[in-house]
Protein backbone atom coordinates (compact mmCIF):
# COMPACT_ATOMS: atom_id res chain seq x y z
CA UNK A 1 -7.45 16.05 -0.80
CA UNK A 2 -7.56 19.11 1.44
CA UNK A 3 -9.30 18.61 4.75
CA UNK A 4 -10.73 21.58 6.62
CA UNK A 5 -9.92 19.89 9.91
CA UNK A 6 -6.24 19.00 9.86
CA UNK A 7 -5.65 18.06 13.47
CA UNK A 8 -6.14 14.62 14.95
CA UNK A 9 -8.28 13.86 17.97
CA UNK A 10 -8.82 10.67 19.92
CA UNK A 11 -12.13 8.88 20.01
CA UNK A 12 -13.12 8.14 23.59
CA UNK A 13 -15.09 4.95 23.96
CA UNK A 14 -17.57 4.84 26.83
CA UNK A 15 -17.45 1.53 28.62
CA UNK A 16 -20.46 0.16 30.38
CA UNK A 17 -18.96 -1.58 33.35
CA UNK A 18 -21.37 -3.09 35.84
CA UNK A 19 -19.80 -5.52 38.28
CA UNK A 20 -21.34 -6.71 41.47
CA UNK A 21 -18.49 -7.84 43.70
CA UNK A 22 -20.93 -9.86 45.78
CA UNK A 23 -22.07 -11.85 42.77
CA UNK A 24 -19.34 -14.01 41.18
CA UNK A 25 -21.46 -14.54 38.07
CA UNK A 26 -21.75 -10.82 37.48
CA UNK A 27 -18.02 -10.29 38.06
CA UNK A 28 -17.31 -12.64 35.16
CA UNK A 29 -19.35 -10.60 32.68
CA UNK A 30 -16.97 -8.76 30.28
CA UNK A 31 -17.16 -5.01 29.91
CA UNK A 32 -19.19 -3.80 26.92
CA UNK A 33 -19.18 -0.56 24.99
CA UNK A 34 -22.24 1.58 25.63
CA UNK A 35 -24.02 2.97 22.60
CA UNK A 36 -26.94 5.36 22.27
CA UNK A 37 -28.34 6.33 18.90
CA UNK A 38 -29.71 9.80 18.28
CA UNK A 39 -32.58 9.93 15.79
CA UNK A 40 -34.02 12.96 13.99
CA UNK A 41 -35.81 13.81 10.75
CA UNK A 42 -32.97 15.48 8.83
CA UNK A 43 -34.91 15.89 5.62
CA UNK A 44 -32.49 13.65 3.74
CA UNK A 45 -33.58 11.95 0.53
CA UNK A 46 -32.12 9.59 -2.05
CA UNK A 47 -30.35 12.68 -3.44
CA UNK A 48 -27.96 12.20 -0.52
CA UNK A 49 -26.60 9.09 -2.17
CA UNK A 50 -24.16 11.73 -3.44
CA UNK A 51 -21.48 13.16 -1.16
CA UNK A 52 -21.87 16.95 -1.35
CA UNK A 53 -18.30 18.06 -0.77
CA UNK A 54 -18.73 21.82 -0.28
CA UNK A 55 -21.32 21.34 2.45
CA UNK A 56 -18.91 19.04 4.27
CA UNK A 57 -15.93 21.39 3.84
CA UNK A 58 -14.04 19.16 1.39
CA UNK A 59 -12.46 20.59 -1.75
CA UNK A 60 -13.33 17.86 -4.26
CA UNK A 61 -16.14 17.33 -6.74
CA UNK A 62 -19.42 15.83 -5.57
CA UNK A 63 -19.16 12.07 -5.82
CA UNK A 64 -21.36 8.98 -5.12
CA UNK A 65 -21.31 7.26 -1.76
CA UNK A 66 -20.52 3.56 -1.56
CA UNK A 67 -21.36 1.33 1.37
CA UNK A 68 -20.68 -2.14 2.68
CA UNK A 69 -21.02 -3.95 6.00
CA UNK A 70 -19.58 -6.80 8.04
CA UNK A 71 -20.67 -8.41 11.28
CA UNK A 72 -18.90 -5.68 13.23
CA UNK A 73 -18.76 -2.49 11.17
CA UNK A 74 -20.30 -0.42 8.40
CA UNK A 75 -17.99 1.31 5.93
CA UNK A 76 -19.10 4.32 3.90
CA UNK A 77 -16.70 5.63 1.28
CA UNK A 78 -16.27 7.96 -1.65
CA UNK A 79 -13.48 8.62 -4.14
CA UNK A 80 -12.16 11.84 -5.63
CA UNK A 81 -9.11 13.66 -6.97
CA UNK A 82 -6.59 15.28 -4.64
CA UNK A 83 -4.61 17.01 -7.39
CA UNK A 84 -2.98 16.30 -10.76
CA UNK A 85 -2.20 12.58 -11.08
CA UNK A 86 -3.49 12.04 -7.54
CA UNK A 87 -6.55 10.11 -6.43
CA UNK A 88 -7.94 9.56 -2.97
CA UNK A 89 -10.52 7.41 -1.23
CA UNK A 90 -12.07 8.32 2.13
CA UNK A 91 -13.52 5.49 4.24
CA UNK A 92 -15.77 6.26 7.24
CA UNK A 93 -16.04 3.46 9.80
CA UNK A 94 -19.05 2.89 12.07
CA UNK A 95 -19.10 0.26 14.80
CA UNK A 96 -22.03 -2.13 15.15
CA UNK A 97 -22.59 -2.59 18.89
CA UNK A 98 -25.48 -4.96 19.33
CA UNK A 99 -28.39 -3.26 17.58
CA UNK A 100 -26.69 0.11 17.86
CA UNK A 101 -24.50 2.07 15.40
CA UNK A 102 -21.69 4.33 16.63
CA UNK A 103 -19.31 6.45 14.52
CA UNK A 104 -15.64 5.48 15.02
CA UNK A 105 -13.19 7.23 12.65
CA UNK A 106 -12.27 7.73 9.00
CA UNK A 107 -9.12 7.16 6.99
CA UNK A 108 -8.01 8.37 3.59
CA UNK A 109 -5.98 6.43 1.03
CA UNK A 110 -3.92 8.51 -1.38
CA UNK A 111 -2.57 7.07 -4.61
CA UNK A 112 -0.81 8.23 -7.73
CA UNK A 113 -2.51 8.14 -11.10
CA UNK A 114 -5.74 7.00 -9.48
CA UNK A 115 -4.49 3.41 -9.28
CA UNK A 116 -5.11 1.53 -6.04
CA UNK A 117 -1.95 -0.55 -6.59
CA UNK A 118 0.15 2.60 -6.29
CA UNK A 119 -0.86 3.69 -2.80
CA UNK A 120 1.40 6.48 -1.57
CA UNK A 121 0.05 7.11 1.93
CA UNK A 122 -2.83 6.49 4.31
CA UNK A 123 -3.93 9.08 6.87
CA UNK A 124 -6.22 8.58 9.86
CA UNK A 125 -8.60 11.08 11.44
CA UNK A 126 -10.12 10.55 14.87
CA UNK A 127 -11.97 13.86 14.94
CA UNK A 128 -15.07 13.66 17.10
CA UNK A 129 -18.10 13.60 14.82
CA UNK A 130 -21.63 13.54 16.22
CA UNK A 131 -23.83 10.95 14.54
CA UNK A 132 -27.52 11.66 13.94
CA UNK A 133 -29.58 8.92 12.30
CA UNK A 134 -32.65 9.57 10.21
CA UNK A 135 -33.36 5.92 9.47
CA UNK A 136 -31.59 2.66 10.08
CA UNK A 137 -32.62 -0.82 8.97
CA UNK A 138 -29.90 -3.29 9.85
CA UNK A 139 -27.82 -4.26 6.80
CA UNK A 140 -30.39 -2.68 4.48
CA UNK A 141 -30.62 1.10 4.95
CA UNK A 142 -28.42 3.66 6.71
CA UNK A 143 -29.44 7.33 6.46
CA UNK A 144 -27.94 10.04 8.61
CA UNK A 145 -25.43 12.79 9.25
CA UNK A 146 -22.12 13.18 11.04
CA UNK A 147 -21.31 16.69 12.20
CA UNK A 148 -18.24 18.49 13.45
CA UNK A 149 -17.74 22.08 14.60
CA UNK A 150 -14.53 23.91 13.72
CA UNK A 151 -13.90 27.61 14.39
CA UNK A 152 -17.61 28.13 15.04
CA UNK A 153 -18.49 26.60 11.66
CA UNK A 154 -20.60 23.44 11.53
CA UNK A 155 -19.69 20.94 8.84
CA UNK A 156 -22.21 18.25 8.00
CA UNK A 157 -21.59 15.04 6.09
CA UNK A 158 -24.94 13.61 4.98
CA UNK A 159 -25.46 10.15 3.53
CA UNK A 160 -28.16 7.85 2.22
CA UNK A 161 -26.86 4.28 1.83
CA UNK A 162 -28.94 1.34 0.64
CA UNK A 163 -27.37 -2.05 1.34
CA UNK A 164 -28.01 -5.61 0.27
CA UNK A 165 -26.42 -9.02 0.76
CA UNK A 166 -23.88 -8.30 -2.00
CA UNK A 167 -22.42 -5.54 0.19
CA UNK A 168 -21.45 -7.95 2.98
CA UNK A 169 -17.73 -8.50 3.52
CA UNK A 170 -15.41 -10.08 6.06
CA UNK A 171 -12.73 -8.02 7.76
CA UNK A 172 -9.69 -9.82 6.49
CA UNK A 173 -6.91 -9.45 3.95
CA UNK A 174 -6.85 -12.66 1.88
CA UNK A 175 -3.49 -14.37 1.49
CA UNK A 176 -1.52 -11.66 3.29
CA UNK A 177 2.15 -12.59 3.64
CA UNK A 178 4.78 -10.31 5.08
CA UNK A 179 7.84 -9.48 2.99
CA UNK A 180 10.02 -11.08 5.66
CA UNK A 181 8.17 -14.40 5.32
CA UNK A 182 8.17 -14.10 1.54
CA UNK A 183 11.18 -12.76 -0.38
CA UNK A 184 12.93 -11.73 2.81
CA UNK A 185 13.36 -15.37 3.80
CA UNK A 186 15.20 -16.00 0.51
CA UNK A 187 17.70 -13.18 0.81
CA UNK A 188 20.57 -12.78 0.50
CA UNK A 189 19.99 -14.55 -2.81
CA UNK A 190 23.49 -15.31 -4.06
CA UNK A 191 24.40 -15.64 -7.75
CA UNK A 192 27.52 -17.38 -9.04
CA UNK A 193 28.32 -16.01 -12.50
CA UNK A 194 31.88 -17.32 -12.84
CA UNK A 195 30.88 -20.88 -11.85
CA UNK A 196 33.53 -21.21 -9.13
CA UNK A 197 31.04 -22.02 -6.37
CA UNK A 198 31.47 -18.57 -4.84
CA UNK A 199 28.83 -15.83 -4.94
CA UNK A 200 29.69 -12.97 -7.27
CA UNK A 201 26.50 -10.96 -6.88
CA UNK A 202 23.57 -11.01 -4.50
CA UNK A 203 19.98 -9.79 -4.18
CA UNK A 204 19.55 -8.28 -0.72
CA UNK A 205 17.09 -6.06 1.11
CA UNK A 206 17.05 -3.57 3.96
CA UNK A 207 14.03 -2.31 5.87
CA UNK A 208 12.90 0.94 7.44
CA UNK A 209 9.69 2.15 9.10
CA UNK A 210 8.35 5.23 7.27
CA UNK A 211 5.98 7.78 8.81
CA UNK A 212 6.35 11.36 7.61
CA UNK A 213 3.47 12.78 9.69
CA UNK A 214 1.86 11.69 12.96
CA UNK A 215 -1.54 11.27 11.31
CA UNK A 216 -0.18 8.91 8.66
CA UNK A 217 -0.31 5.15 9.02
CA UNK A 218 3.33 3.99 9.18
CA UNK A 219 4.58 1.36 6.79
CA UNK A 220 7.55 -0.96 6.75
CA UNK A 221 9.58 -0.31 3.61
CA UNK A 222 11.58 -3.32 2.41
CA UNK A 223 13.98 -2.11 -0.26
CA UNK A 224 15.50 -4.63 -2.68
CA UNK A 225 18.95 -4.08 -4.16
CA UNK A 226 21.17 -6.01 -6.54
CA UNK A 227 24.74 -5.82 -5.27
CA UNK A 228 28.22 -7.20 -5.89
CA UNK A 229 29.89 -9.36 -3.26
CA UNK A 230 33.46 -8.58 -4.33
CA UNK A 231 35.15 -5.23 -5.03
CA UNK A 232 36.42 -6.70 -8.32
CA UNK A 233 32.83 -7.19 -9.47
CA UNK A 234 30.85 -4.19 -10.70
CA UNK A 235 27.50 -3.44 -12.31
CA UNK A 236 27.50 -1.51 -15.56
CA UNK A 237 23.74 -1.06 -15.79
CA UNK A 238 20.53 -2.89 -16.46
CA UNK A 239 17.88 -3.39 -19.10
CA UNK A 240 14.19 -3.64 -18.25
CA UNK A 241 12.81 -5.93 -20.94
CA UNK A 242 9.16 -5.23 -20.07
CA UNK A 243 9.39 -1.48 -20.63
CA UNK A 244 12.25 -1.67 -23.14
CA UNK A 245 14.27 0.80 -21.07
CA UNK A 246 18.03 1.02 -20.49
CA UNK A 247 19.73 2.41 -17.40
CA UNK A 248 23.28 2.95 -16.24
CA UNK A 249 24.83 5.47 -18.61
CA UNK A 250 23.99 3.52 -21.76
CA UNK A 251 24.61 5.75 -24.75
CA UNK A 252 23.41 3.82 -27.80
CA UNK A 253 21.23 0.86 -28.70
CA UNK A 254 20.80 -0.83 -32.04
CA UNK A 255 17.48 -2.57 -32.73
CA UNK A 256 17.04 -3.46 -29.07
CA UNK A 257 20.59 -4.83 -28.78
CA UNK A 258 22.56 -4.23 -25.60
CA UNK A 259 26.27 -3.56 -26.11
CA UNK A 260 28.33 -3.72 -22.92
CA UNK A 261 30.88 -1.29 -24.36
CA UNK A 262 28.21 1.43 -24.50
CA UNK A 263 27.78 1.58 -20.72
CA UNK A 264 29.72 4.53 -19.31
CA UNK A 265 29.30 4.03 -15.56
CA UNK A 266 29.98 1.36 -12.95
CA UNK A 267 28.59 0.74 -9.49
CA UNK A 268 28.55 -1.94 -6.84
CA UNK A 269 24.79 -1.80 -6.28
CA UNK A 270 21.55 -1.20 -8.20
CA UNK A 271 18.19 -0.33 -6.64
CA UNK A 272 15.51 -2.75 -7.83
CA UNK A 273 12.33 -1.81 -5.98
CA UNK A 274 10.52 -1.94 -2.65
CA UNK A 275 7.55 -3.33 -0.80
CA UNK A 276 5.38 -1.20 1.49
CA UNK A 277 3.68 -3.05 4.35
CA UNK A 278 1.28 -0.79 6.25
CA UNK A 279 1.35 -1.27 10.01
CA UNK A 280 -1.86 -1.47 12.03
CA UNK A 281 -3.21 -3.23 15.09
CA UNK A 282 -4.50 -6.00 12.82
CA UNK A 283 -4.19 -7.04 9.20
CA UNK A 284 -7.46 -5.36 8.29
CA UNK A 285 -7.93 -2.72 6.97
CA UNK A 286 -4.54 -1.32 6.03
CA UNK A 287 -2.69 -4.34 4.67
CA UNK A 288 -5.09 -4.53 1.74
CA UNK A 289 -3.24 -1.43 0.47
CA UNK A 290 0.24 -2.97 0.64
CA UNK A 291 2.13 -2.41 -2.60
CA UNK A 292 5.17 -3.30 -4.62
CA UNK A 293 6.65 -0.19 -6.11
CA UNK A 294 9.87 1.15 -7.59
CA UNK A 295 11.36 2.16 -10.89
CA UNK A 296 10.08 -0.53 -13.19
CA UNK A 297 7.62 -2.64 -11.23
CA UNK A 298 4.65 -3.43 -13.40
CA UNK A 299 2.30 -2.22 -10.68
CA UNK A 300 -0.66 -1.33 -12.86
CA UNK A 301 -1.30 -4.60 -14.66
CA UNK A 302 0.50 -7.25 -12.62
CA UNK A 303 1.41 -5.88 -9.20
CA UNK A 304 4.42 -7.55 -7.65
CA UNK A 305 6.01 -8.75 -10.89
CA UNK A 306 9.43 -7.54 -12.01
CA UNK A 307 9.83 -9.34 -15.29
CA UNK A 308 12.85 -10.29 -17.39
CA UNK A 309 15.58 -7.94 -16.23
CA UNK A 310 19.16 -7.99 -17.53
CA UNK A 311 21.96 -6.83 -15.25
CA UNK A 312 25.13 -6.11 -17.27
CA UNK A 313 28.23 -6.90 -15.20
CA UNK A 314 32.00 -6.56 -15.32
CA UNK A 315 34.29 -8.88 -13.34
CA UNK A 316 38.06 -8.67 -12.90
CA UNK A 317 39.53 -12.16 -13.11
CA UNK A 318 43.30 -12.67 -13.01
CA UNK A 319 43.68 -8.93 -13.34
CA UNK A 320 41.68 -8.64 -16.57
CA UNK A 321 38.06 -7.53 -17.19
CA UNK A 322 35.39 -9.96 -18.29
CA UNK A 323 31.89 -8.88 -19.33
CA UNK A 324 28.63 -10.73 -18.80
CA UNK A 325 25.01 -10.48 -17.73
CA UNK A 326 22.39 -11.91 -15.38
CA UNK A 327 18.83 -12.36 -16.61
CA UNK A 328 16.24 -12.70 -13.85
CA UNK A 329 12.67 -12.03 -12.70
CA UNK A 330 11.18 -11.35 -9.27
CA UNK A 331 7.64 -12.62 -8.68
CA UNK A 332 6.85 -10.72 -5.53
CA UNK A 333 3.39 -12.08 -4.76
CA UNK A 334 4.61 -15.63 -5.45
CA UNK A 335 7.67 -15.17 -3.21
CA UNK A 336 9.97 -16.28 -5.99
CA UNK A 337 13.26 -15.09 -7.50
CA UNK A 338 13.95 -16.69 -10.87
CA UNK A 339 17.40 -16.68 -12.51
CA UNK A 340 16.75 -17.32 -16.20
CA UNK A 341 20.34 -17.20 -17.38
CA UNK A 342 23.84 -16.04 -16.43
CA UNK A 343 26.72 -15.50 -18.84
CA UNK A 344 30.33 -14.40 -18.48
CA UNK A 345 32.51 -13.98 -21.55
CA UNK A 346 35.57 -16.22 -21.07
CA UNK A 347 37.63 -13.93 -23.31
CA UNK A 348 39.09 -10.99 -21.37
CA UNK A 349 38.61 -7.43 -22.65
CA UNK A 350 35.96 -8.57 -25.13
CA UNK A 351 32.62 -6.83 -24.85
CA UNK A 352 29.36 -8.72 -25.20
CA UNK A 353 26.14 -8.24 -27.12
CA UNK A 354 22.71 -9.09 -25.66
CA UNK A 355 19.89 -9.41 -28.17
């Protein structure tokens, strides 16, 4: 989504601070935000239930407004396309200060394929918009305009939002659990294939804070890898049973059969996937967009589930190669790693078949 106003400003909150040093009761009164609403007849009608993009300087199609409210804020939003295979949702946040409404900021959520489970980035804009209200009935009707001037051009965003009790929400992210408290607490997850009470392979993770631009909300990327714990142990490749896909230099398959001899490459590590945990001052709003993503994560139907993988392995024991596999699943939202089966061919130099 192209925004006419690309730079980021800072919203300045005006604090109403009235302390009387001679009165101890007054000195204990906390500071409150001041808020003054500007009313005017803007000529808006129910036709403004649609966001008119060109008038506002946005390069998307006109699209319906959506609204909801909590005890503290009102959120107005619309969705549109930001390019091929790219969807976006803009959310405008207004503070409720007593009986007053004050514009705060907006943020935009970008995703791939228009699927909210595949969030790619979130950007914030603290541009100073002036709010003019045509009509406001608390938690029932919000009609108005926010305006911004850029290069002597005035851009107006008009809205007509009717609300009811079904639009009420609480500012929380249900059942949020950090990766570190979930799968992170279980790693390294060691796997003994040769049954000698020593780990041969392990599921591990590393983390990195990602923020490509200053206006983007940073996220903590927790990347999961399947790795060998011994230089004599290698990974030939893997088979994703959900998508029926083979990886790792596999040349041929016969009726869905995996033949270890057909793998032409070896490595000591395989990338499995990653979790993106957006970082904000509080859990709401950004952690509702946290995602599991990666090569084969079933993000569209069952986010957080990596189902029924086969890792094909080669281990050197007593100087001779043995072939085997590890069959496992990762249930990300349930904080669970499940090893379904491990197998190592006791006969050296004999390839295996997985059906």
